[in-house]
Protein backbone atom coordinates (compact mmCIF):
# COMPACT_ATOMS: atom_id res chain seq x y z
CA UNK A 1 30.02 -28.63 15.03
CA UNK A 2 26.30 -29.52 15.19
CA UNK A 3 23.68 -26.78 15.05
CA UNK A 4 22.40 -27.83 18.48
CA UNK A 5 25.87 -27.54 20.03
CA UNK A 6 26.46 -24.17 18.35
CA UNK A 7 23.24 -22.77 19.77
CA UNK A 8 23.94 -24.10 23.26
CA UNK A 9 27.46 -22.61 23.18
CA UNK A 10 26.06 -19.27 22.04
CA UNK A 11 23.63 -19.16 24.94
CA UNK A 12 26.41 -20.10 27.34
CA UNK A 13 28.46 -17.20 26.03
CA UNK A 14 25.55 -14.82 26.48
CA UNK A 15 25.03 -15.94 30.06
CA UNK A 16 28.73 -15.55 30.77
CA UNK A 17 28.54 -11.96 29.55
CA UNK A 18 26.25 -11.15 32.46
CA UNK A 19 28.81 -12.52 34.89
CA UNK A 20 31.60 -10.30 33.61
CA UNK A 21 32.19 -6.69 34.56
CA UNK A 22 29.54 -4.72 32.72
CA UNK A 23 31.10 -2.01 30.55
CA UNK A 24 29.36 1.34 30.46
CA UNK A 25 29.32 1.55 26.69
CA UNK A 26 27.75 4.79 25.53
CA UNK A 27 24.70 5.12 23.33
CA UNK A 28 24.49 8.54 21.77
CA UNK A 29 21.25 10.30 20.96
CA UNK A 30 18.68 12.70 22.24
CA UNK A 31 16.22 11.78 24.96
CA UNK A 32 12.68 10.92 23.83
CA UNK A 33 9.87 13.38 24.26
CA UNK A 34 7.62 12.15 27.06
CA UNK A 35 4.11 12.89 28.19
CA UNK A 36 3.61 12.43 31.95
CA UNK A 37 -0.12 11.81 31.49
CA UNK A 38 -0.21 8.07 32.12
CA UNK A 39 -3.60 6.79 33.19
CA UNK A 40 -3.96 6.72 37.01
CA UNK A 41 -2.38 3.65 38.53
CA UNK A 42 -0.94 2.17 35.34
CA UNK A 43 2.71 1.31 35.86
CA UNK A 44 2.82 2.63 39.43
CA UNK A 45 4.63 0.57 42.05
CA UNK A 46 2.67 -1.12 44.79
CA UNK A 47 5.73 -2.66 46.44
CA UNK A 48 9.47 -2.93 45.84
CA UNK A 49 12.51 -4.41 47.53
CA UNK A 50 15.86 -6.09 46.93
CA UNK A 51 15.87 -8.74 44.24
CA UNK A 52 18.12 -11.70 43.54
CA UNK A 53 19.80 -13.25 40.53
CA UNK A 54 21.46 -16.58 41.25
CA UNK A 55 24.21 -17.71 38.86
CA UNK A 56 26.57 -20.38 40.18
CA UNK A 57 27.25 -18.33 43.31
CA UNK A 58 28.69 -15.42 41.32
CA UNK A 59 28.24 -11.88 42.58
CA UNK A 60 27.11 -10.05 39.47
CA UNK A 61 28.02 -6.36 39.08
CA UNK A 62 24.39 -5.26 38.96
CA UNK A 63 21.73 -3.92 41.31
CA UNK A 64 18.52 -5.95 41.34
CA UNK A 65 15.10 -4.89 42.57
CA UNK A 66 11.85 -6.86 42.75
CA UNK A 67 8.70 -4.88 42.11
CA UNK A 68 4.96 -5.34 42.27
CA UNK A 69 3.37 -2.87 39.88
CA UNK A 70 -0.12 -1.93 38.80
CA UNK A 71 -1.41 -2.65 35.32
CA UNK A 72 -4.69 -3.54 33.60
CA UNK A 73 -6.08 -6.82 32.29
CA UNK A 74 -7.66 -7.58 28.93
CA UNK A 75 -10.86 -5.78 29.94
CA UNK A 76 -9.15 -2.70 31.35
CA UNK A 77 -9.64 -3.72 34.98
CA UNK A 78 -6.84 -3.07 37.46
CA UNK A 79 -4.42 -5.85 38.37
CA UNK A 80 -0.98 -6.16 39.93
CA UNK A 81 2.03 -7.82 38.29
CA UNK A 82 5.46 -8.70 39.62
CA UNK A 83 8.75 -8.13 37.86
CA UNK A 84 12.48 -7.60 38.17
CA UNK A 85 14.56 -4.50 37.44
CA UNK A 86 18.31 -4.91 36.82
CA UNK A 87 20.77 -2.02 36.47
CA UNK A 88 24.56 -2.26 35.95
CA UNK A 89 26.52 -0.91 38.88
CA UNK A 90 28.94 0.97 36.64
CA UNK A 91 27.84 4.53 35.86
CA UNK A 92 26.35 5.24 32.46
CA UNK A 93 28.75 7.35 30.40
CA UNK A 94 26.81 7.67 27.16
CA UNK A 95 25.00 10.74 25.94
CA UNK A 96 21.60 11.24 27.48
CA UNK A 97 20.04 8.96 30.10
CA UNK A 98 20.77 5.25 30.47
CA UNK A 99 18.51 3.30 28.05
CA UNK A 100 15.96 0.82 29.40
CA UNK A 101 15.03 -2.48 27.75
CA UNK A 102 11.82 -4.21 28.83
CA UNK A 103 12.23 -7.97 28.42
CA UNK A 104 9.11 -10.06 27.81
CA UNK A 105 9.96 -13.70 28.60
CA UNK A 106 9.09 -16.71 26.50
CA UNK A 107 6.84 -19.46 27.81
CA UNK A 108 7.76 -20.29 31.41
CA UNK A 109 4.77 -22.38 32.47
CA UNK A 110 1.64 -21.52 34.43
CA UNK A 111 2.42 -22.19 38.08
CA UNK A 112 3.47 -19.27 40.26
CA UNK A 113 6.86 -20.92 40.83
CA UNK A 114 7.52 -20.42 37.10
CA UNK A 115 7.52 -16.62 37.32
CA UNK A 116 10.71 -15.23 35.76
CA UNK A 117 11.57 -13.38 38.97
CA UNK A 118 11.34 -16.63 40.94
CA UNK A 119 13.42 -18.51 38.39
CA UNK A 120 16.10 -15.81 38.37
CA UNK A 121 16.27 -16.00 42.16
CA UNK A 122 16.64 -19.80 42.29
CA UNK A 123 19.21 -20.06 39.50
CA UNK A 124 16.84 -21.57 36.94
CA UNK A 125 16.36 -18.42 34.87
CA UNK A 126 19.34 -18.63 32.53
CA UNK A 127 17.10 -18.30 29.46
CA UNK A 128 16.00 -14.84 30.56
CA UNK A 129 19.38 -13.91 31.99
CA UNK A 130 21.05 -14.74 28.69
CA UNK A 131 18.78 -12.31 26.86
CA UNK A 132 19.12 -9.65 29.55
CA UNK A 133 22.92 -10.00 29.31
CA UNK A 134 22.79 -8.80 25.71
CA UNK A 135 21.85 -5.37 27.01
CA UNK A 136 23.35 -5.32 30.50
CA UNK A 137 26.75 -5.81 28.85
CA UNK A 138 26.21 -2.51 27.03
CA UNK A 139 25.27 -0.66 30.20
CA UNK A 140 21.52 -0.70 29.59
CA UNK A 141 19.01 -1.24 32.36
CA UNK A 142 16.69 -4.23 31.92
CA UNK A 143 13.20 -4.73 33.35
CA UNK A 144 11.65 -8.21 33.16
CA UNK A 145 7.90 -8.67 33.55
CA UNK A 146 6.35 -11.77 35.12
CA UNK A 147 3.05 -11.22 33.25
CA UNK A 148 -0.44 -11.31 34.73
CA UNK A 149 -1.05 -14.13 37.19
CA UNK A 150 2.47 -15.59 37.05
CA UNK A 151 3.77 -15.17 40.59
CA UNK A 152 0.73 -13.14 41.63
CA UNK A 153 -2.83 -14.19 42.57
CA UNK A 154 -5.02 -15.57 39.82
CA UNK A 155 -4.39 -17.65 36.71
CA UNK A 156 -1.67 -16.66 34.29
CA UNK A 157 -3.49 -15.42 31.17
CA UNK A 158 -1.11 -17.15 28.81
CA UNK A 159 -0.74 -15.52 25.37
CA UNK A 160 -3.54 -12.99 26.00
CA UNK A 161 -2.83 -10.08 23.65
CA UNK A 162 -4.01 -7.12 25.71
CA UNK A 163 -2.97 -8.35 29.14
CA UNK A 164 0.55 -9.09 27.90
CA UNK A 165 0.89 -5.77 26.08
CA UNK A 166 -0.22 -3.87 29.18
CA UNK A 167 2.15 -5.88 31.39
CA UNK A 168 5.11 -5.04 29.14
CA UNK A 169 4.38 -1.33 28.84
CA UNK A 170 3.57 -0.88 32.51
CA UNK A 171 6.77 -2.73 33.44
CA UNK A 172 8.62 0.09 31.68
CA UNK A 173 6.66 2.72 33.57
CA UNK A 174 7.30 0.95 36.87
CA UNK A 175 11.05 0.77 36.20
CA UNK A 176 11.14 4.52 35.60
CA UNK A 177 9.15 5.20 38.77
CA UNK A 178 11.57 3.01 40.69
CA UNK A 179 14.43 5.04 39.25
CA UNK A 180 12.90 8.21 40.68
CA UNK A 181 12.56 6.66 44.15
CA UNK A 182 15.72 4.54 44.48
CA UNK A 183 19.18 6.11 44.29
CA UNK A 184 20.74 2.80 43.22
CA UNK A 185 18.48 2.50 40.18
CA UNK A 186 19.77 4.76 37.42
CA UNK A 187 16.69 4.92 35.20
CA UNK A 188 15.51 8.42 34.32
CA UNK A 189 11.96 9.45 33.53
CA UNK A 190 13.03 10.36 30.00
CA UNK A 191 15.12 7.24 29.37
CA UNK A 192 14.61 5.78 25.87
CA UNK A 193 12.86 2.42 25.99
CA UNK A 194 13.22 -0.68 23.84
CA UNK A 195 11.14 -3.85 23.95
CA UNK A 196 12.63 -7.33 23.53
CA UNK A 197 10.70 -10.60 23.45
CA UNK A 198 10.79 -14.04 21.86
CA UNK A 199 8.05 -16.67 21.51
CA UNK A 200 5.38 -15.78 24.08
CA UNK A 201 7.55 -12.71 24.66
CA UNK A 202 7.52 -11.89 20.96
CA UNK A 203 3.74 -11.99 21.03
CA UNK A 204 3.81 -9.65 24.04
CA UNK A 205 6.20 -7.13 22.48
CA UNK A 206 4.32 -7.28 19.18
CA UNK A 207 1.05 -6.54 20.96
CA UNK A 208 2.73 -3.76 22.93
CA UNK A 209 4.12 -2.22 19.73
CA UNK A 210 0.57 -2.02 18.38
CA UNK A 211 -0.67 -0.26 21.53
CA UNK A 212 2.12 2.20 22.38
CA UNK A 213 0.32 5.31 21.15
CA UNK A 214 -3.00 4.42 22.76
CA UNK A 215 -1.78 2.92 26.03
CA UNK A 216 1.66 4.31 26.82
CA UNK A 217 2.50 7.41 24.79
CA UNK A 218 4.38 8.67 27.86
CA UNK A 219 6.87 5.81 27.95
CA UNK A 220 9.27 6.83 25.19
CA UNK A 221 9.36 3.49 23.35
CA UNK A 222 11.79 3.58 20.43
CA UNK A 223 11.52 0.08 18.95
CA UNK A 224 10.60 -3.57 19.54
CA UNK A 225 12.23 -6.92 18.80
CA UNK A 226 9.39 -9.32 17.97
CA UNK A 227 10.86 -12.82 17.86
CA UNK A 228 8.79 -15.83 16.74
CA UNK A 229 5.50 -14.28 17.92
CA UNK A 230 2.45 -16.58 18.10
CA UNK A 231 0.51 -14.07 16.02
CA UNK A 232 -2.29 -16.54 15.22
CA UNK A 233 -3.16 -18.69 18.25
CA UNK A 234 -5.39 -21.08 16.31
CA UNK A 235 -2.58 -21.84 13.85
CA UNK A 236 -0.05 -22.13 16.68
CA UNK A 237 -2.34 -24.57 18.52
CA UNK A 238 -2.49 -26.78 15.44
CA UNK A 239 1.28 -26.55 15.02
CA UNK A 240 2.20 -27.60 18.57
CA UNK A 241 -0.43 -30.34 18.81
CA UNK A 242 1.50 -33.54 19.44
CA UNK A 243 4.82 -31.70 19.79
CA UNK A 244 7.07 -31.53 22.85
CA UNK A 245 5.07 -28.45 23.97
CA UNK A 246 1.66 -29.96 23.34
CA UNK A 247 0.77 -29.34 26.99
CA UNK A 248 0.88 -25.58 26.34
CA UNK A 249 -2.56 -26.04 24.80
CA UNK A 250 -3.65 -26.47 28.42
CA UNK A 251 -1.95 -23.19 29.33
CA UNK A 252 -3.92 -21.47 26.58
CA UNK A 253 -7.22 -23.02 27.67
CA UNK A 254 -6.67 -21.95 31.28
CA UNK A 255 -5.70 -18.45 30.16
CA UNK A 256 -8.80 -18.11 27.99
CA UNK A 257 -11.10 -19.16 30.83
CA UNK A 258 -9.37 -16.75 33.23
CA UNK A 259 -9.78 -13.81 30.86
CA UNK A 260 -13.21 -14.84 29.53
CA UNK A 261 -15.09 -16.71 32.29
CA UNK A 262 -18.05 -17.20 29.97
CA UNK A 263 -15.96 -19.79 28.11
CA UNK A 264 -15.65 -22.07 31.15
CA UNK A 265 -18.81 -24.12 30.54
CA UNK A 266 -18.37 -24.45 26.75
CA UNK A 267 -14.74 -25.55 27.17
CA UNK A 268 -15.64 -28.04 29.90
CA UNK A 269 -18.19 -29.58 27.54
CA UNK A 270 -15.50 -30.01 24.87
CA UNK A 271 -13.11 -31.90 27.17
CA UNK A 272 -13.18 -35.46 28.43
CA UNK A 273 -12.07 -36.43 31.93
CA UNK A 274 -8.45 -36.75 30.83
CA UNK A 275 -8.66 -33.28 29.31
CA UNK A 276 -10.04 -31.79 32.50
CA UNK A 277 -7.25 -33.44 34.47
CA UNK A 278 -4.67 -32.13 31.99
CA UNK A 279 -5.72 -28.47 32.16
CA UNK A 280 -5.89 -28.66 35.97
CA UNK A 281 -2.43 -30.21 36.14
CA UNK A 282 -0.60 -27.80 33.80
CA UNK A 283 -2.00 -24.84 35.74
CA UNK A 284 0.52 -25.77 38.45
CA UNK A 285 3.44 -26.71 36.20
CA UNK A 286 6.50 -25.12 34.59
CA UNK A 287 7.66 -26.02 31.09
CA UNK A 288 9.94 -28.93 31.91
CA UNK A 289 7.28 -30.73 33.93
CA UNK A 290 4.65 -30.04 31.28
CA UNK A 291 6.90 -31.54 28.60
CA UNK A 292 7.59 -34.56 30.81
CA UNK A 293 3.93 -35.31 31.44
CA UNK A 294 2.19 -34.07 28.30
CA UNK A 295 4.85 -33.65 25.64
CA UNK A 296 4.22 -35.44 22.32
CA UNK A 297 0.66 -36.32 23.32
CA UNK A 298 -1.99 -35.28 20.76
CA UNK A 299 -4.97 -33.24 21.89
CA UNK A 300 -7.29 -35.96 20.59
CA UNK A 301 -6.58 -37.74 23.89
CA UNK A 302 -8.26 -34.91 25.76
CA UNK A 303 -11.33 -33.88 23.73
CA UNK A 304 -14.81 -35.31 24.25
CA UNK A 305 -15.32 -36.09 20.55
CA UNK A 306 -11.76 -37.23 19.83
CA UNK A 307 -11.16 -34.35 17.42
CA UNK A 308 -8.06 -32.13 17.57
CA UNK A 309 -8.30 -29.09 19.82
CA UNK A 310 -8.04 -26.73 16.85
CA UNK A 311 -11.42 -28.02 15.62
CA UNK A 312 -12.98 -26.81 18.86
CA UNK A 313 -11.33 -23.42 18.44
CA UNK A 314 -12.82 -23.03 14.97
CA UNK A 315 -16.31 -22.91 16.48
CA UNK A 316 -18.04 -20.16 18.40
CA UNK A 317 -17.77 -18.91 21.07
CA UNK A 318 -14.06 -19.71 20.87
CA UNK A 319 -13.39 -18.44 17.35
CA UNK A 320 -14.22 -14.81 18.12
CA UNK A 321 -12.13 -14.79 21.28
CA UNK A 322 -9.12 -16.22 19.47
CA UNK A 323 -9.58 -13.70 16.66
CA UNK A 324 -9.29 -10.93 19.29
CA UNK A 325 -5.83 -12.26 20.18
CA UNK A 326 -4.51 -11.96 16.63
CA UNK A 327 -1.59 -9.67 15.86
CA UNK A 328 -1.44 -7.70 12.64
CA UNK A 329 -4.82 -6.01 12.61
CA UNK A 330 -3.19 -2.75 13.76
CA UNK A 331 -0.11 -0.91 12.59
CA UNK A 332 2.80 -1.01 15.05
CA UNK A 333 3.41 2.44 16.51
CA UNK A 334 7.20 1.99 16.71
CA UNK A 335 9.79 0.32 14.47
CA UNK A 336 9.79 -3.47 14.79
CA UNK A 337 12.39 -6.15 14.07
CA UNK A 338 10.46 -9.36 13.31
CA UNK A 339 12.14 -12.79 13.34
CA UNK A 340 11.21 -16.32 12.34
CA UNK A 341 13.03 -19.51 11.35
CA UNK A 342 12.08 -22.17 8.80
CA UNK A 343 12.03 -25.18 11.11
CA UNK A 344 10.43 -23.62 14.16
CA UNK A 345 8.57 -26.54 15.74
CA UNK A 346 6.46 -24.35 18.04
CA UNK A 347 5.43 -21.13 16.24
CA UNK A 348 4.66 -21.70 12.53
CA UNK A 349 6.92 -19.57 10.37
CA UNK A 350 4.14 -18.81 7.89
CA UNK A 351 2.15 -16.97 10.55
CA UNK A 352 5.14 -14.75 11.34
CA UNK A 353 5.66 -14.01 7.64
CA UNK A 354 1.97 -13.08 7.43
CA UNK A 355 2.30 -10.77 10.44
CA UNK A 356 5.25 -8.94 8.89
CA UNK A 357 3.35 -8.58 5.61
CA UNK A 358 0.23 -7.31 7.40
CA UNK A 359 2.21 -4.74 9.34
CA UNK A 360 3.93 -3.60 6.16
CA UNK A 361 0.58 -3.28 4.40
CA UNK A 362 -0.64 -1.06 7.23
CA UNK A 363 2.32 1.26 6.89
CA UNK A 364 4.48 -0.11 9.69
CA UNK A 365 8.23 0.39 9.99
CA UNK A 366 9.20 -3.29 9.70
CA UNK A 367 12.52 -5.09 9.43
CA UNK A 368 11.88 -8.79 8.81
CA UNK A 369 14.31 -11.70 9.01
CA UNK A 370 13.40 -15.22 7.89
CA UNK A 371 16.29 -17.52 8.82
CA UNK A 372 16.82 -20.77 6.86
CA UNK A 373 17.91 -22.69 9.96
CA UNK A 374 18.07 -26.48 9.42
CA UNK A 375 16.19 -28.72 11.82
CA UNK A 376 18.56 -29.74 14.61
CA UNK A 377 16.78 -30.95 17.71
CA UNK A 378 13.32 -30.29 19.19
CA UNK A 379 14.99 -28.69 22.20
CA UNK A 380 16.58 -25.97 20.06
CA UNK A 381 14.57 -25.70 16.82
CA UNK A 382 12.21 -23.11 18.29
CA UNK A 383 14.82 -21.00 20.08
CA UNK A 384 17.44 -21.18 17.31
CA UNK A 385 16.58 -17.76 15.92
CA UNK A 386 17.45 -15.98 19.19
CA UNK A 387 21.24 -16.44 19.02
CA UNK A 388 21.21 -16.35 15.23
CA UNK A 389 19.38 -13.02 15.11
CA UNK A 390 21.12 -11.38 18.08
CA UNK A 391 24.21 -10.11 16.19
CA UNK A 392 21.92 -8.02 13.99
CA UNK A 393 18.90 -7.46 16.22
CA UNK A 394 20.77 -6.13 19.25
CA UNK A 395 22.59 -3.37 17.28
CA UNK A 396 19.30 -2.60 15.53
CA UNK A 397 17.55 -1.99 18.86
CA UNK A 398 20.58 -0.15 20.24
CA UNK A 399 20.43 2.21 17.24
CA UNK A 400 16.74 2.86 17.90
CA UNK A 401 17.52 3.65 21.54
CA UNK A 402 20.21 6.05 20.33
CA UNK A 403 17.67 7.92 18.23
CA UNK A 404 18.99 6.67 14.88
CA UNK A 405 16.09 6.81 12.38
CA UNK A 406 14.84 3.55 10.91
CA UNK A 407 12.85 3.32 7.70
CA UNK A 408 12.26 -0.43 7.74
CA UNK A 409 12.25 -2.63 4.67
CA UNK A 410 8.60 -2.70 3.61
CA UNK A 411 7.69 -2.15 0.01
C-alpha cells in the first residue's frame, strides 16, 4: 500500500472514531494545582451558544458549544476570539476531573469563512475533527481555537507567536469558564489541560508552552504536543517558496502588517502590482483556493526587484519583527513532545531539530521524534507525521494529563 493511501486511511479511521460512541475511558491522577488569579478579561467569555459539527449527517454523541472569548494580541491589547468546545455526552468515570485538550489548528487560510468553527459546522473541518477524535474517543473534552482575526473582525495574524499563544491559553480558560456556567459542559476549573497542535498549530502550542508560567499559571497545563512547528518563519518562507503552499507567504505578509502596522509602507514598496493583488486576494481565501490560484508560483513573481521574498525578510525593518516570532529563545514551562519528518515540504525539518535542541539546552523537558518518512505526495508529505506520531504522542499526552511524571530525553 502506498504511503499516501496509508495516511489517508489513517485519517479516515480517526474521523470515524469521532462518529462512534465515545467511551468514558478513565485517566487516573491528581488534579493540578490552580491559581485563580488570571489577568482581568483574559479567557473570559463574551458570548456562547450551541455549536455544530457536521459529519455526513451523523448525530455525534457529543455536546458542542460555540464561544467568543477575550484574549490579548501581540502587544497585550484586548481582542476577542471565537472557538468551539466539544464534550462527550457520556459521563467521565476516571479519577479526578475530565481532562481538557486545547487544539490549535493547522493553516486554514485567512478569510473568515476558513475559521475552524465555521468549517466544522459546514462539514469541511475533518482535519480538525480527526485530531479532536483522538481525545474525544478517550472521554476528554476538546476546545478548538479559531485564532485572532479568523472568524472575528480584523485580519488573521497568521503565525504570530504571541497572539497565537494567547489564543490557545485563553481558549483553555474560556472552556473552563463555560464548564462553570453550562450544566452540559463537564469541564471543571481544576481540570488538567493538554495542548495539541500541528503545523501552524504546532507553532501556537510551542509558543504557548513557552508562556504558560508568565501568561496562564492558573490554567493547569500539563504538556504540549508541538508538531512540525514553523519555529523560524524566515526559513519556512524560503522552504515554501514555489511549493503548493507558496500563497501562504501572502498570509504571513498580511499577518505582519496587521500586527505591526508600521510595516505596511515598507512591505508595499517591496511588492509589485501582482504582489499587491496576491496579498489582497489571499486575505479572503482558504487553503484550497490559495493553492489553486497561487500554488507552485515563486515569490519572484510578486516582488518589485524580482528577488525571492526571503531576501526582503533579511532586511530591516522586517528582520527584527521576524526574529521576535522565533521559537526556542525561552525554555518551555511544561513537557513538550516535538515532531518533524524528513520530507516535510512545508516546514523545514532542520528548523524543528534546532528548536528541540535549543529547548533542551535551556533545560526543557523535551521528547523529540524525527520520522524518516519517505516522500509520497505533496498533499500528504507535510501532514504525514500526524498519523505516524499519534500512536506514541497521544498516550504521551494522556500520561501527562494523568499526572505521570515525564523527564524528557534531553542530554
